[in-house]
Amino acid sequence: VAAINLLLGRILGAKTVTCRRPSPLGVRNFDLAIL
């Protein structure tokens, strides 16, 4: 669900937060990664 998170964040202008390190995306494009 990480890629959907990033795409939806752009549509809604929202901050994107992920738990765990998503593969293969990594965390560089998220506003916050809880690792």
PDB file of all heavy atoms in Angstrom:
ATOM      1  N   VAL A   1       0.815  -1.217   0.000  1.00  0.00           N
ATOM      2  CA  VAL A   1       0.000   0.000   0.000  1.00  0.00           C
ATOM      3  C   VAL A   1       0.850   1.268   0.000  1.00  0.00           C
ATOM      4  O   VAL A   1       0.326   2.375  -0.038  1.00  0.00           O
ATOM      5  CB  VAL A   1      -0.968   0.023   1.208  1.00  0.00           C
ATOM      6  CG1 VAL A   1      -2.084  -0.966   1.015  1.00  0.00           C
ATOM      7  CG2 VAL A   1      -0.221  -0.244   2.505  1.00  0.00           C
ATOM      8  N   ALA A   2       2.173   1.117   0.014  1.00  0.00           N
ATOM      9  CA  ALA A   2       3.053   2.278   0.126  1.00  0.00           C
ATOM     10  C   ALA A   2       2.995   3.177  -1.100  1.00  0.00           C
ATOM     11  O   ALA A   2       2.946   4.409  -0.993  1.00  0.00           O
ATOM     12  CB  ALA A   2       4.491   1.819   0.376  1.00  0.00           C
ATOM     13  N   ALA A   3       3.001   2.574  -2.291  1.00  0.00           N
ATOM     14  CA  ALA A   3       2.944   3.385  -3.512  1.00  0.00           C
ATOM     15  C   ALA A   3       1.623   4.145  -3.598  1.00  0.00           C
ATOM     16  O   ALA A   3       1.590   5.324  -4.001  1.00  0.00           O
ATOM     17  CB  ALA A   3       3.121   2.493  -4.744  1.00  0.00           C
ATOM     18  N   ILE A   4       0.533   3.501  -3.188  1.00  0.00           N
ATOM     19  CA  ILE A   4      -0.774   4.161  -3.191  1.00  0.00           C
ATOM     20  C   ILE A   4      -0.759   5.331  -2.207  1.00  0.00           C
ATOM     21  O   ILE A   4      -1.336   6.392  -2.464  1.00  0.00           O
ATOM     22  CB  ILE A   4      -1.882   3.153  -2.812  1.00  0.00           C
ATOM     23  CG1 ILE A   4      -1.833   1.926  -3.735  1.00  0.00           C
ATOM     24  CG2 ILE A   4      -3.256   3.821  -2.889  1.00  0.00           C
ATOM     25  CD1 ILE A   4      -2.012   2.242  -5.200  1.00  0.00           C
ATOM     26  N   ASN A   5      -0.096   5.153  -1.075  1.00  0.00           N
ATOM     27  CA  ASN A   5       0.045   6.206  -0.082  1.00  0.00           C
ATOM     28  C   ASN A   5       0.672   7.457  -0.714  1.00  0.00           C
ATOM     29  O   ASN A   5       0.142   8.570  -0.602  1.00  0.00           O
ATOM     30  CB  ASN A   5       0.908   5.696   1.077  1.00  0.00           C
ATOM     31  CG  ASN A   5       1.005   6.673   2.250  1.00  0.00           C
ATOM     32  OD1 ASN A   5       0.935   7.876   2.079  1.00  0.00           O
ATOM     33  ND2 ASN A   5       1.189   6.130   3.437  1.00  0.00           N
ATOM     34  N   LEU A   6       1.790   7.272  -1.405  1.00  0.00           N
ATOM     35  CA  LEU A   6       2.484   8.413  -2.011  1.00  0.00           C
ATOM     36  C   LEU A   6       1.633   9.093  -3.084  1.00  0.00           C
ATOM     37  O   LEU A   6       1.585  10.328  -3.161  1.00  0.00           O
ATOM     38  CB  LEU A   6       3.807   7.946  -2.619  1.00  0.00           C
ATOM     39  CG  LEU A   6       4.892   7.531  -1.617  1.00  0.00           C
ATOM     40  CD1 LEU A   6       6.083   6.922  -2.346  1.00  0.00           C
ATOM     41  CD2 LEU A   6       5.333   8.717  -0.774  1.00  0.00           C
ATOM     42  N   LEU A   7       0.946   8.304  -3.894  1.00  0.00           N
ATOM     43  CA  LEU A   7       0.124   8.882  -4.961  1.00  0.00           C
ATOM     44  C   LEU A   7      -1.072   9.634  -4.388  1.00  0.00           C
ATOM     45  O   LEU A   7      -1.395  10.743  -4.826  1.00  0.00           O
ATOM     46  CB  LEU A   7      -0.342   7.774  -5.905  1.00  0.00           C
ATOM     47  CG  LEU A   7       0.767   7.088  -6.731  1.00  0.00           C
ATOM     48  CD1 LEU A   7       0.195   5.897  -7.492  1.00  0.00           C
ATOM     49  CD2 LEU A   7       1.415   8.074  -7.693  1.00  0.00           C
ATOM     50  N   LEU A   8      -1.731   9.036  -3.394  1.00  0.00           N
ATOM     51  CA  LEU A   8      -2.900   9.679  -2.796  1.00  0.00           C
ATOM     52  C   LEU A   8      -2.496  10.955  -2.052  1.00  0.00           C
ATOM     53  O   LEU A   8      -3.233  11.951  -2.077  1.00  0.00           O
ATOM     54  CB  LEU A   8      -3.596   8.711  -1.839  1.00  0.00           C
ATOM     55  CG  LEU A   8      -4.923   9.179  -1.245  1.00  0.00           C
ATOM     56  CD1 LEU A   8      -5.956   9.409  -2.343  1.00  0.00           C
ATOM     57  CD2 LEU A   8      -5.451   8.148  -0.232  1.00  0.00           C
ATOM     58  N   GLY A   9      -1.331  10.933  -1.434  1.00  0.00           N
ATOM     59  CA  GLY A   9      -0.850  12.122  -0.745  1.00  0.00           C
ATOM     60  C   GLY A   9      -0.704  13.306  -1.681  1.00  0.00           C
ATOM     61  O   GLY A   9      -0.984  14.457  -1.311  1.00  0.00           O
ATOM     62  N   ARG A  10      -0.298  13.042  -2.915  1.00  0.00           N
ATOM     63  CA  ARG A  10      -0.132  14.126  -3.888  1.00  0.00           C
ATOM     64  C   ARG A  10      -1.482  14.663  -4.357  1.00  0.00           C
ATOM     65  O   ARG A  10      -1.641  15.863  -4.567  1.00  0.00           O
ATOM     66  CB  ARG A  10       0.680  13.622  -5.080  1.00  0.00           C
ATOM     67  CG  ARG A  10       2.120  13.289  -4.706  1.00  0.00           C
ATOM     68  CD  ARG A  10       2.954  12.961  -5.919  1.00  0.00           C
ATOM     69  NE  ARG A  10       4.302  12.567  -5.520  1.00  0.00           N
ATOM     70  CZ  ARG A  10       5.284  12.356  -6.376  1.00  0.00           C
ATOM     71  NH1 ARG A  10       5.076  12.500  -7.668  1.00  0.00           N
ATOM     72  NH2 ARG A  10       6.472  11.989  -5.926  1.00  0.00           N
ATOM     73  N   ILE A  11      -2.437  13.771  -4.511  1.00  0.00           N
ATOM     74  CA  ILE A  11      -3.755  14.222  -4.949  1.00  0.00           C
ATOM     75  C   ILE A  11      -4.406  15.116  -3.886  1.00  0.00           C
ATOM     76  O   ILE A  11      -4.986  16.157  -4.199  1.00  0.00           O
ATOM     77  CB  ILE A  11      -4.678  13.007  -5.242  1.00  0.00           C
ATOM     78  CG1 ILE A  11      -4.204  12.267  -6.496  1.00  0.00           C
ATOM     79  CG2 ILE A  11      -6.118  13.463  -5.428  1.00  0.00           C
ATOM     80  CD1 ILE A  11      -5.033  11.042  -6.817  1.00  0.00           C
ATOM     81  N   LEU A  12      -4.279  14.704  -2.615  1.00  0.00           N
ATOM     82  CA  LEU A  12      -4.977  15.403  -1.536  1.00  0.00           C
ATOM     83  C   LEU A  12      -4.112  16.464  -0.845  1.00  0.00           C
ATOM     84  O   LEU A  12      -4.601  17.180   0.025  1.00  0.00           O
ATOM     85  CB  LEU A  12      -5.450  14.391  -0.484  1.00  0.00           C
ATOM     86  CG  LEU A  12      -6.445  13.332  -0.973  1.00  0.00           C
ATOM     87  CD1 LEU A  12      -6.787  12.358   0.153  1.00  0.00           C
ATOM     88  CD2 LEU A  12      -7.717  13.985  -1.503  1.00  0.00           C
ATOM     89  N   GLY A  13      -2.846  16.541  -1.221  1.00  0.00           N
ATOM     90  CA  GLY A  13      -1.957  17.496  -0.559  1.00  0.00           C
ATOM     91  C   GLY A  13      -1.752  17.149   0.907  1.00  0.00           C
ATOM     92  O   GLY A  13      -1.620  18.027   1.755  1.00  0.00           O
ATOM     93  N   ALA A  14      -1.701  15.850   1.210  1.00  0.00           N
ATOM     94  CA  ALA A  14      -1.593  15.371   2.586  1.00  0.00           C
ATOM     95  C   ALA A  14      -0.179  14.883   2.881  1.00  0.00           C
ATOM     96  O   ALA A  14       0.583  14.535   1.973  1.00  0.00           O
ATOM     97  CB  ALA A  14      -2.585  14.233   2.828  1.00  0.00           C
ATOM     98  N   LYS A  15       0.170  14.831   4.175  1.00  0.00           N
ATOM     99  CA  LYS A  15       1.439  14.271   4.603  1.00  0.00           C
ATOM    100  C   LYS A  15       1.361  12.743   4.525  1.00  0.00           C
ATOM    101  O   LYS A  15       0.347  12.145   4.899  1.00  0.00           O
ATOM    102  CB  LYS A  15       1.766  14.697   6.037  1.00  0.00           C
ATOM    103  CG  LYS A  15       1.908  16.198   6.231  1.00  0.00           C
ATOM    104  CD  LYS A  15       3.109  16.740   5.469  1.00  0.00           C
ATOM    105  CE  LYS A  15       3.311  18.230   5.745  1.00  0.00           C
ATOM    106  NZ  LYS A  15       4.455  18.792   4.994  1.00  0.00           N
ATOM    107  N   THR A  16       2.421  12.130   4.056  1.00  0.00           N
ATOM    108  CA  THR A  16       2.437  10.678   3.881  1.00  0.00           C
ATOM    109  C   THR A  16       3.279  10.030   4.975  1.00  0.00           C
ATOM    110  O   THR A  16       4.414  10.414   5.211  1.00  0.00           O
ATOM    111  CB  THR A  16       3.000  10.298   2.501  1.00  0.00           C
ATOM    112  OG1 THR A  16       4.293  10.909   2.327  1.00  0.00           O
ATOM    113  CG2 THR A  16       2.075  10.789   1.395  1.00  0.00           C
ATOM    114  N   VAL A  17       2.697   9.022   5.637  1.00  0.00           N
ATOM    115  CA  VAL A  17       3.363   8.346   6.752  1.00  0.00           C
ATOM    116  C   VAL A  17       3.307   6.845   6.512  1.00  0.00           C
ATOM    117  O   VAL A  17       2.233   6.286   6.253  1.00  0.00           O
ATOM    118  CB  VAL A  17       2.688   8.676   8.103  1.00  0.00           C
ATOM    119  CG1 VAL A  17       3.412   7.957   9.246  1.00  0.00           C
ATOM    120  CG2 VAL A  17       2.677  10.185   8.345  1.00  0.00           C
ATOM    121  N   THR A  18       4.460   6.182   6.614  1.00  0.00           N
ATOM    122  CA  THR A  18       4.505   4.731   6.467  1.00  0.00           C
ATOM    123  C   THR A  18       5.105   4.090   7.703  1.00  0.00           C
ATOM    124  O   THR A  18       6.028   4.627   8.317  1.00  0.00           O
ATOM    125  CB  THR A  18       5.344   4.316   5.230  1.00  0.00           C
ATOM    126  OG1 THR A  18       5.359   2.878   5.124  1.00  0.00           O
ATOM    127  CG2 THR A  18       6.772   4.815   5.321  1.00  0.00           C
ATOM    128  N   CYS A  19       4.541   2.953   8.114  1.00  0.00           N
ATOM    129  CA  CYS A  19       5.156   2.115   9.139  1.00  0.00           C
ATOM    130  C   CYS A  19       5.909   0.988   8.418  1.00  0.00           C
ATOM    131  O   CYS A  19       5.396   0.418   7.463  1.00  0.00           O
ATOM    132  CB  CYS A  19       4.099   1.517  10.060  1.00  0.00           C
ATOM    133  SG  CYS A  19       3.188   2.723  11.030  1.00  0.00           S
ATOM    134  N   ARG A  20       7.077   0.655   8.897  1.00  0.00           N
ATOM    135  CA  ARG A  20       7.989  -0.291   8.252  1.00  0.00           C
ATOM    136  C   ARG A  20       8.614   0.356   7.014  1.00  0.00           C
ATOM    137  O   ARG A  20       8.135   1.342   6.482  1.00  0.00           O
ATOM    138  CB  ARG A  20       7.292  -1.612   7.873  1.00  0.00           C
ATOM    139  CG  ARG A  20       6.632  -2.391   9.013  1.00  0.00           C
ATOM    140  CD  ARG A  20       7.667  -3.156   9.841  1.00  0.00           C
ATOM    141  NE  ARG A  20       7.030  -4.009  10.818  1.00  0.00           N
ATOM    142  CZ  ARG A  20       6.973  -5.349  10.713  1.00  0.00           C
ATOM    143  NH1 ARG A  20       7.496  -5.944   9.672  1.00  0.00           N
ATOM    144  NH2 ARG A  20       6.403  -6.051  11.664  1.00  0.00           N
ATOM    145  N   ARG A  21       9.672  -0.258   6.534  1.00  0.00           N
ATOM    146  CA  ARG A  21      10.356   0.202   5.328  1.00  0.00           C
ATOM    147  C   ARG A  21       9.759  -0.549   4.136  1.00  0.00           C
ATOM    148  O   ARG A  21       9.967  -1.756   3.979  1.00  0.00           O
ATOM    149  CB  ARG A  21      11.860  -0.068   5.420  1.00  0.00           C
ATOM    150  CG  ARG A  21      12.666   0.462   4.227  1.00  0.00           C
ATOM    151  CD  ARG A  21      14.138   0.111   4.376  1.00  0.00           C
ATOM    152  NE  ARG A  21      14.726   0.758   5.529  1.00  0.00           N
ATOM    153  CZ  ARG A  21      15.215   1.988   5.535  1.00  0.00           C
ATOM    154  NH1 ARG A  21      15.186   2.715   4.419  1.00  0.00           N
ATOM    155  NH2 ARG A  21      15.738   2.502   6.628  1.00  0.00           N
ATOM    156  N   PRO A  22       9.012   0.136   3.267  1.00  0.00           N
ATOM    157  CA  PRO A  22       8.362  -0.572   2.156  1.00  0.00           C
ATOM    158  C   PRO A  22       9.348  -0.929   1.052  1.00  0.00           C
ATOM    159  O   PRO A  22      10.217  -0.136   0.696  1.00  0.00           O
ATOM    160  CB  PRO A  22       7.326   0.447   1.657  1.00  0.00           C
ATOM    161  CG  PRO A  22       7.887   1.775   2.042  1.00  0.00           C
ATOM    162  CD  PRO A  22       8.663   1.560   3.308  1.00  0.00           C
ATOM    163  N   SER A  23       9.197  -2.131   0.547  1.00  0.00           N
ATOM    164  CA  SER A  23      10.051  -2.615  -0.534  1.00  0.00           C
ATOM    165  C   SER A  23       9.315  -2.519  -1.868  1.00  0.00           C
ATOM    166  O   SER A  23       8.126  -2.840  -1.946  1.00  0.00           O
ATOM    167  CB  SER A  23      10.442  -4.069  -0.261  1.00  0.00           C
ATOM    168  OG  SER A  23      11.178  -4.611  -1.328  1.00  0.00           O
ATOM    169  N   PRO A  24       9.991  -2.081  -2.936  1.00  0.00           N
ATOM    170  CA  PRO A  24      11.365  -1.584  -3.015  1.00  0.00           C
ATOM    171  C   PRO A  24      11.452  -0.061  -2.894  1.00  0.00           C
ATOM    172  O   PRO A  24      12.496   0.520  -3.153  1.00  0.00           O
ATOM    173  CB  PRO A  24      11.786  -2.018  -4.416  1.00  0.00           C
ATOM    174  CG  PRO A  24      10.528  -1.852  -5.218  1.00  0.00           C
ATOM    175  CD  PRO A  24       9.384  -2.200  -4.290  1.00  0.00           C
ATOM    176  N   LEU A  25      10.384   0.590  -2.472  1.00  0.00           N
ATOM    177  CA  LEU A  25      10.319   2.048  -2.512  1.00  0.00           C
ATOM    178  C   LEU A  25      11.323   2.718  -1.584  1.00  0.00           C
ATOM    179  O   LEU A  25      11.855   3.780  -1.899  1.00  0.00           O
ATOM    180  CB  LEU A  25       8.910   2.531  -2.135  1.00  0.00           C
ATOM    181  CG  LEU A  25       7.845   2.551  -3.240  1.00  0.00           C
ATOM    182  CD1 LEU A  25       7.486   1.140  -3.660  1.00  0.00           C
ATOM    183  CD2 LEU A  25       6.599   3.256  -2.727  1.00  0.00           C
ATOM    184  N   GLY A  26      11.569   2.128  -0.417  1.00  0.00           N
ATOM    185  CA  GLY A  26      12.336   2.836   0.587  1.00  0.00           C
ATOM    186  C   GLY A  26      11.503   3.951   1.199  1.00  0.00           C
ATOM    187  O   GLY A  26      10.285   4.006   1.018  1.00  0.00           O
ATOM    188  N   VAL A  27      12.131   4.870   1.894  1.00  0.00           N
ATOM    189  CA  VAL A  27      11.392   5.877   2.657  1.00  0.00           C
ATOM    190  C   VAL A  27      11.670   7.312   2.211  1.00  0.00           C
ATOM    191  O   VAL A  27      11.097   8.250   2.762  1.00  0.00           O
ATOM    192  CB  VAL A  27      11.714   5.753   4.169  1.00  0.00           C
ATOM    193  CG1 VAL A  27      11.392   4.350   4.668  1.00  0.00           C
ATOM    194  CG2 VAL A  27      13.177   6.087   4.464  1.00  0.00           C
ATOM    195  N   ARG A  28      12.517   7.491   1.215  1.00  0.00           N
ATOM    196  CA  ARG A  28      12.981   8.852   0.894  1.00  0.00           C
ATOM    197  C   ARG A  28      11.866   9.791   0.471  1.00  0.00           C
ATOM    198  O   ARG A  28      11.959  11.010   0.678  1.00  0.00           O
ATOM    199  CB  ARG A  28      14.064   8.807  -0.185  1.00  0.00           C
ATOM    200  CG  ARG A  28      13.596   8.277  -1.538  1.00  0.00           C
ATOM    201  CD  ARG A  28      14.764   8.125  -2.510  1.00  0.00           C
ATOM    202  NE  ARG A  28      14.341   7.664  -3.823  1.00  0.00           N
ATOM    203  CZ  ARG A  28      14.131   6.409  -4.133  1.00  0.00           C
ATOM    204  NH1 ARG A  28      14.281   5.476  -3.198  1.00  0.00           N
ATOM    205  NH2 ARG A  28      13.751   6.056  -5.355  1.00  0.00           N
ATOM    206  N   ASN A  29      10.792   9.278  -0.145  1.00  0.00           N
ATOM    207  CA  ASN A  29       9.737  10.159  -0.637  1.00  0.00           C
ATOM    208  C   ASN A  29       8.580  10.352   0.345  1.00  0.00           C
ATOM    209  O   ASN A  29       7.643  11.096   0.052  1.00  0.00           O
ATOM    210  CB  ASN A  29       9.187   9.621  -1.967  1.00  0.00           C
ATOM    211  CG  ASN A  29      10.221   9.702  -3.082  1.00  0.00           C
ATOM    212  OD1 ASN A  29      10.886  10.724  -3.234  1.00  0.00           O
ATOM    213  ND2 ASN A  29      10.381   8.630  -3.845  1.00  0.00           N
ATOM    214  N   PHE A  30       8.651   9.711   1.504  1.00  0.00           N
ATOM    215  CA  PHE A  30       7.610   9.864   2.518  1.00  0.00           C
ATOM    216  C   PHE A  30       7.938  11.053   3.425  1.00  0.00           C
ATOM    217  O   PHE A  30       9.104  11.356   3.682  1.00  0.00           O
ATOM    218  CB  PHE A  30       7.484   8.600   3.365  1.00  0.00           C
ATOM    219  CG  PHE A  30       6.819   7.462   2.648  1.00  0.00           C
ATOM    220  CD1 PHE A  30       7.562   6.549   1.923  1.00  0.00           C
ATOM    221  CD2 PHE A  30       5.443   7.311   2.701  1.00  0.00           C
ATOM    222  CE1 PHE A  30       6.955   5.503   1.254  1.00  0.00           C
ATOM    223  CE2 PHE A  30       4.819   6.271   2.039  1.00  0.00           C
ATOM    224  CZ  PHE A  30       5.570   5.368   1.311  1.00  0.00           C
ATOM    225  N   ASP A  31       6.897  11.694   3.916  1.00  0.00           N
ATOM    226  CA  ASP A  31       7.109  12.769   4.878  1.00  0.00           C
ATOM    227  C   ASP A  31       7.572  12.225   6.228  1.00  0.00           C
ATOM    228  O   ASP A  31       8.323  12.884   6.947  1.00  0.00           O
ATOM    229  CB  ASP A  31       5.811  13.574   5.063  1.00  0.00           C
ATOM    230  CG  ASP A  31       5.423  14.319   3.800  1.00  0.00           C
ATOM    231  OD1 ASP A  31       6.216  15.166   3.345  1.00  0.00           O
ATOM    232  OD2 ASP A  31       4.343  14.030   3.253  1.00  0.00           O
ATOM    233  N   LEU A  32       7.126  10.997   6.562  1.00  0.00           N
ATOM    234  CA  LEU A  32       7.549  10.372   7.812  1.00  0.00           C
ATOM    235  C   LEU A  32       7.526   8.857   7.647  1.00  0.00           C
ATOM    236  O   LEU A  32       6.568   8.302   7.118  1.00  0.00           O
ATOM    237  CB  LEU A  32       6.611  10.779   8.963  1.00  0.00           C
ATOM    238  CG  LEU A  32       6.924  10.190  10.342  1.00  0.00           C
ATOM    239  CD1 LEU A  32       8.264  10.698  10.854  1.00  0.00           C
ATOM    240  CD2 LEU A  32       5.811  10.524  11.339  1.00  0.00           C
ATOM    241  N   ALA A  33       8.601   8.216   8.108  1.00  0.00           N
ATOM    242  CA  ALA A  33       8.675   6.756   8.122  1.00  0.00           C
ATOM    243  C   ALA A  33       8.940   6.304   9.552  1.00  0.00           C
ATOM    244  O   ALA A  33       9.897   6.755  10.186  1.00  0.00           O
ATOM    245  CB  ALA A  33       9.784   6.257   7.201  1.00  0.00           C
ATOM    246  N   ILE A  34       8.078   5.443  10.073  1.00  0.00           N
ATOM    247  CA  ILE A  34       8.211   4.909  11.431  1.00  0.00           C
ATOM    248  C   ILE A  34       8.868   3.540  11.311  1.00  0.00           C
ATOM    249  O   ILE A  34       8.252   2.584  10.837  1.00  0.00           O
ATOM    250  CB  ILE A  34       6.839   4.818  12.116  1.00  0.00           C
ATOM    251  CG1 ILE A  34       6.203   6.211  12.197  1.00  0.00           C
ATOM    252  CG2 ILE A  34       6.960   4.200  13.498  1.00  0.00           C
ATOM    253  CD1 ILE A  34       4.724   6.204  12.479  1.00  0.00           C
ATOM    254  N   LEU A  35      10.138   3.455  11.711  1.00  0.00           N
ATOM    255  CA  LEU A  35      10.930   2.263  11.422  1.00  0.00           C
ATOM    256  C   LEU A  35      11.381   1.557  12.694  1.00  0.00           C
ATOM    257  O   LEU A  35      12.005   2.174  13.570  1.00  0.00           O
ATOM    258  CB  LEU A  35      12.177   2.640  10.610  1.00  0.00           C
ATOM    259  CG  LEU A  35      11.945   3.334   9.264  1.00  0.00           C
ATOM    260  CD1 LEU A  35      13.277   3.546   8.559  1.00  0.00           C
ATOM    261  CD2 LEU A  35      10.999   2.534   8.388  1.00  0.00           C
TER     262      LEU A  35
END
